């Protein structure tokens, strides 16, 4: 009787595995496309404005924080595509908890990288929107509205990806808890 229960715990029903696979595919695909879109919006974000008769440019690569944000999104997008292939590969091999521990580590690293990029971009975006009177930095979003709006849209896409990566991390961690020591 104990061996039958052990087999049932080791091999979850096919429907459960298919639901898990579908959820993984959806969340990883969304993460990949959202971070790719955030990268594209950030990299193509530029605006020229005339202030007191002088032309000024605003571009993402003028700020190291926005550059890091763009690269972090690009890396997470590429590695999300890789993890999508890993999910298919692991599903074909069977439900081995050790494989999901690898996905857990992957998802956790991508979550940390993307959250760091989002945090950096949010900090600089806040200074761009509100300035810093103690440092003498004036807000620029009143002059570069399009630039700020596109930057905000890019950050929203990235923060949505952070939420999906968090759910993937929890899901992979839960699945990998079945590793027998």
Protein backbone atom coordinates (compact mmCIF):
# COMPACT_ATOMS: atom_id res chain seq x y z
CA UNK A 1 0.00 0.00 0.00
CA UNK A 2 2.83 2.39 0.84
CA UNK A 3 4.46 1.81 -2.55
CA UNK A 4 1.25 2.76 -4.36
CA UNK A 5 1.04 6.03 -2.41
CA UNK A 6 4.70 6.73 -3.20
CA UNK A 7 4.06 6.21 -6.92
CA UNK A 8 1.04 8.53 -6.82
CA UNK A 9 3.10 11.25 -5.15
CA UNK A 10 5.98 10.82 -7.60
CA UNK A 11 3.81 10.90 -10.71
CA UNK A 12 1.12 13.59 -10.53
CA UNK A 13 -1.86 13.19 -12.85
CA UNK A 14 -1.34 14.13 -16.49
CA UNK A 15 -3.99 16.86 -16.27
CA UNK A 16 -2.10 18.54 -13.42
CA UNK A 17 1.14 18.36 -15.38
CA UNK A 18 -0.55 19.86 -18.45
CA UNK A 19 -2.07 22.71 -16.44
CA UNK A 20 1.32 23.40 -14.87
CA UNK A 21 2.98 23.32 -18.31
CA UNK A 22 0.37 25.67 -19.79
CA UNK A 23 0.77 28.10 -16.92
CA UNK A 24 4.55 28.03 -17.25
CA UNK A 25 4.35 28.62 -21.00
CA UNK A 26 1.93 31.53 -20.59
CA UNK A 27 3.90 33.29 -17.85
CA UNK A 28 7.28 32.81 -19.53
CA UNK A 29 5.93 33.97 -22.89
CA UNK A 30 4.37 37.05 -21.30
CA UNK A 31 7.60 37.81 -19.45
CA UNK A 32 9.62 37.43 -22.63
CA UNK A 33 7.36 39.63 -24.75
CA UNK A 34 6.86 42.29 -22.06
CA UNK A 35 10.59 42.65 -21.40
CA UNK A 36 11.31 42.67 -25.12
CA UNK A 37 8.71 45.40 -25.60
CA UNK A 38 10.15 47.34 -22.65
CA UNK A 39 13.61 47.07 -24.21
CA UNK A 40 12.33 48.29 -27.55
CA UNK A 41 10.41 51.21 -26.05
CA UNK A 42 13.42 52.23 -23.96
CA UNK A 43 15.99 51.94 -26.76
CA UNK A 44 13.85 53.95 -29.20
CA UNK A 45 12.96 56.57 -26.59
CA UNK A 46 14.27 60.00 -27.56
CA UNK A 47 12.94 63.52 -27.76
CA UNK A 48 14.28 66.92 -28.72
CA UNK A 49 12.94 70.07 -27.07
CA UNK A 50 13.75 73.75 -27.29
CA UNK A 51 14.32 75.44 -23.98
CA UNK A 52 15.08 79.18 -24.03
CA UNK A 53 15.90 78.92 -27.73
CA UNK A 54 18.43 76.09 -27.29
CA UNK A 55 17.75 72.54 -28.47
CA UNK A 56 18.21 69.75 -25.93
CA UNK A 57 18.01 66.00 -26.49
CA UNK A 58 16.72 63.37 -24.10
CA UNK A 59 17.81 59.80 -24.84
CA UNK A 60 17.88 56.67 -22.76
CA UNK A 61 21.64 56.20 -23.16
CA UNK A 62 22.39 59.56 -21.51
CA UNK A 63 21.66 57.89 -18.18
CA UNK A 64 23.56 54.82 -16.96
CA UNK A 65 20.47 53.78 -15.03
CA UNK A 66 18.28 53.74 -18.15
CA UNK A 67 21.03 51.93 -20.06
CA UNK A 68 21.19 49.28 -17.32
CA UNK A 69 17.40 49.08 -17.40
CA UNK A 70 17.40 48.44 -21.15
CA UNK A 71 20.15 45.80 -20.92
CA UNK A 72 18.48 44.08 -17.96
CA UNK A 73 15.22 43.83 -19.91
CA UNK A 74 17.04 42.47 -22.97
CA UNK A 75 18.88 39.84 -20.92
CA UNK A 76 15.72 38.75 -19.12
CA UNK A 77 13.88 38.53 -22.43
CA UNK A 78 16.58 36.32 -23.97
CA UNK A 79 16.85 34.09 -20.91
CA UNK A 80 13.06 33.80 -20.70
CA UNK A 81 13.14 32.34 -24.20
CA UNK A 82 15.82 29.91 -23.04
CA UNK A 83 13.76 28.93 -20.02
CA UNK A 84 10.77 28.31 -22.28
CA UNK A 85 12.82 25.69 -24.12
CA UNK A 86 13.94 24.23 -20.78
CA UNK A 87 10.33 23.89 -19.63
CA UNK A 88 9.49 21.91 -22.79
CA UNK A 89 12.58 19.77 -22.35
CA UNK A 90 11.87 19.08 -18.68
CA UNK A 91 8.23 18.26 -19.46
CA UNK A 92 9.31 15.66 -22.03
CA UNK A 93 11.76 14.05 -19.59
CA UNK A 94 9.16 13.78 -16.85
CA UNK A 95 8.50 15.60 -13.62
CA UNK A 96 11.91 15.55 -11.92
CA UNK A 97 12.01 18.02 -9.00
CA UNK A 98 15.76 18.62 -9.53
CA UNK A 99 14.97 20.13 -12.92
CA UNK A 100 12.57 22.57 -11.34
CA UNK A 101 15.23 23.58 -8.85
CA UNK A 102 17.32 24.69 -11.83
CA UNK A 103 14.33 26.70 -13.08
CA UNK A 104 13.86 28.14 -9.60
CA UNK A 105 17.45 29.41 -9.54
CA UNK A 106 17.07 30.76 -13.08
CA UNK A 107 13.82 32.55 -12.28
CA UNK A 108 15.25 33.97 -9.06
CA UNK A 109 18.32 35.39 -10.84
CA UNK A 110 16.18 36.91 -13.60
CA UNK A 111 13.83 38.38 -10.99
CA UNK A 112 16.75 39.99 -9.14
CA UNK A 113 18.27 41.38 -12.35
CA UNK A 114 14.99 42.82 -13.61
CA UNK A 115 14.07 44.26 -10.24
CA UNK A 116 17.46 45.98 -10.03
CA UNK A 117 16.95 47.49 -13.50
CA UNK A 118 13.43 48.63 -12.65
CA UNK A 119 14.60 50.17 -9.39
CA UNK A 120 17.38 52.11 -11.09
CA UNK A 121 15.07 53.41 -13.80
CA UNK A 122 12.38 54.32 -11.27
CA UNK A 123 14.84 56.33 -9.19
CA UNK A 124 16.05 58.33 -12.19
CA UNK A 125 12.49 58.67 -13.49
CA UNK A 126 11.42 60.12 -10.15
CA UNK A 127 14.21 62.70 -10.30
CA UNK A 128 13.24 63.51 -13.90
CA UNK A 129 9.60 63.99 -12.94
CA UNK A 130 9.97 65.87 -9.64
CA UNK A 131 13.57 67.04 -9.58
CA UNK A 132 15.57 67.39 -6.37
CA UNK A 133 15.54 70.84 -4.82
CA UNK A 134 18.34 69.96 -2.36
CA UNK A 135 20.72 69.15 -5.21
CA UNK A 136 19.47 71.87 -7.54
CA UNK A 137 18.13 69.37 -10.11
CA UNK A 138 15.12 70.70 -11.94
CA UNK A 139 12.39 68.39 -13.22
CA UNK A 140 12.62 67.74 -16.96
CA UNK A 141 9.35 65.95 -17.66
CA UNK A 142 7.52 69.24 -18.16
CA UNK A 143 9.83 69.83 -21.18
CA UNK A 144 10.21 66.22 -22.33
CA UNK A 145 6.70 64.84 -21.85
CA UNK A 146 6.85 62.24 -24.62
CA UNK A 147 10.18 60.92 -23.34
CA UNK A 148 8.86 60.60 -19.79
CA UNK A 149 5.58 58.97 -20.90
CA UNK A 150 7.39 56.32 -22.96
CA UNK A 151 9.78 55.70 -20.08
CA UNK A 152 6.84 55.21 -17.75
CA UNK A 153 5.19 52.78 -20.17
CA UNK A 154 8.42 50.82 -20.39
CA UNK A 155 8.68 50.62 -16.61
CA UNK A 156 5.07 49.44 -16.31
CA UNK A 157 5.81 46.58 -18.71
CA UNK A 158 8.90 45.68 -16.71
CA UNK A 159 7.11 45.75 -13.38
CA UNK A 160 4.42 43.46 -14.81
CA UNK A 161 7.24 41.12 -15.82
CA UNK A 162 8.60 41.31 -12.28
CA UNK A 163 5.23 40.13 -10.97
CA UNK A 164 5.17 37.24 -13.45
CA UNK A 165 8.77 36.30 -12.60
CA UNK A 166 7.85 36.32 -8.92
CA UNK A 167 4.98 33.93 -9.63
CA UNK A 168 7.32 31.74 -11.71
CA UNK A 169 9.87 31.71 -8.91
CA UNK A 170 7.25 30.64 -6.38
CA UNK A 171 5.90 28.03 -8.77
CA UNK A 172 9.34 26.57 -9.50
CA UNK A 173 10.24 26.59 -5.81
CA UNK A 174 7.05 24.75 -4.93
CA UNK A 175 7.64 22.17 -7.64
CA UNK A 176 11.28 21.66 -6.60
CA UNK A 177 10.39 21.07 -2.92
CA UNK A 178 9.75 17.45 -3.78
CA UNK A 179 13.49 16.71 -3.98
CA UNK A 180 14.29 13.81 -1.67
CA UNK A 181 17.42 14.24 0.41
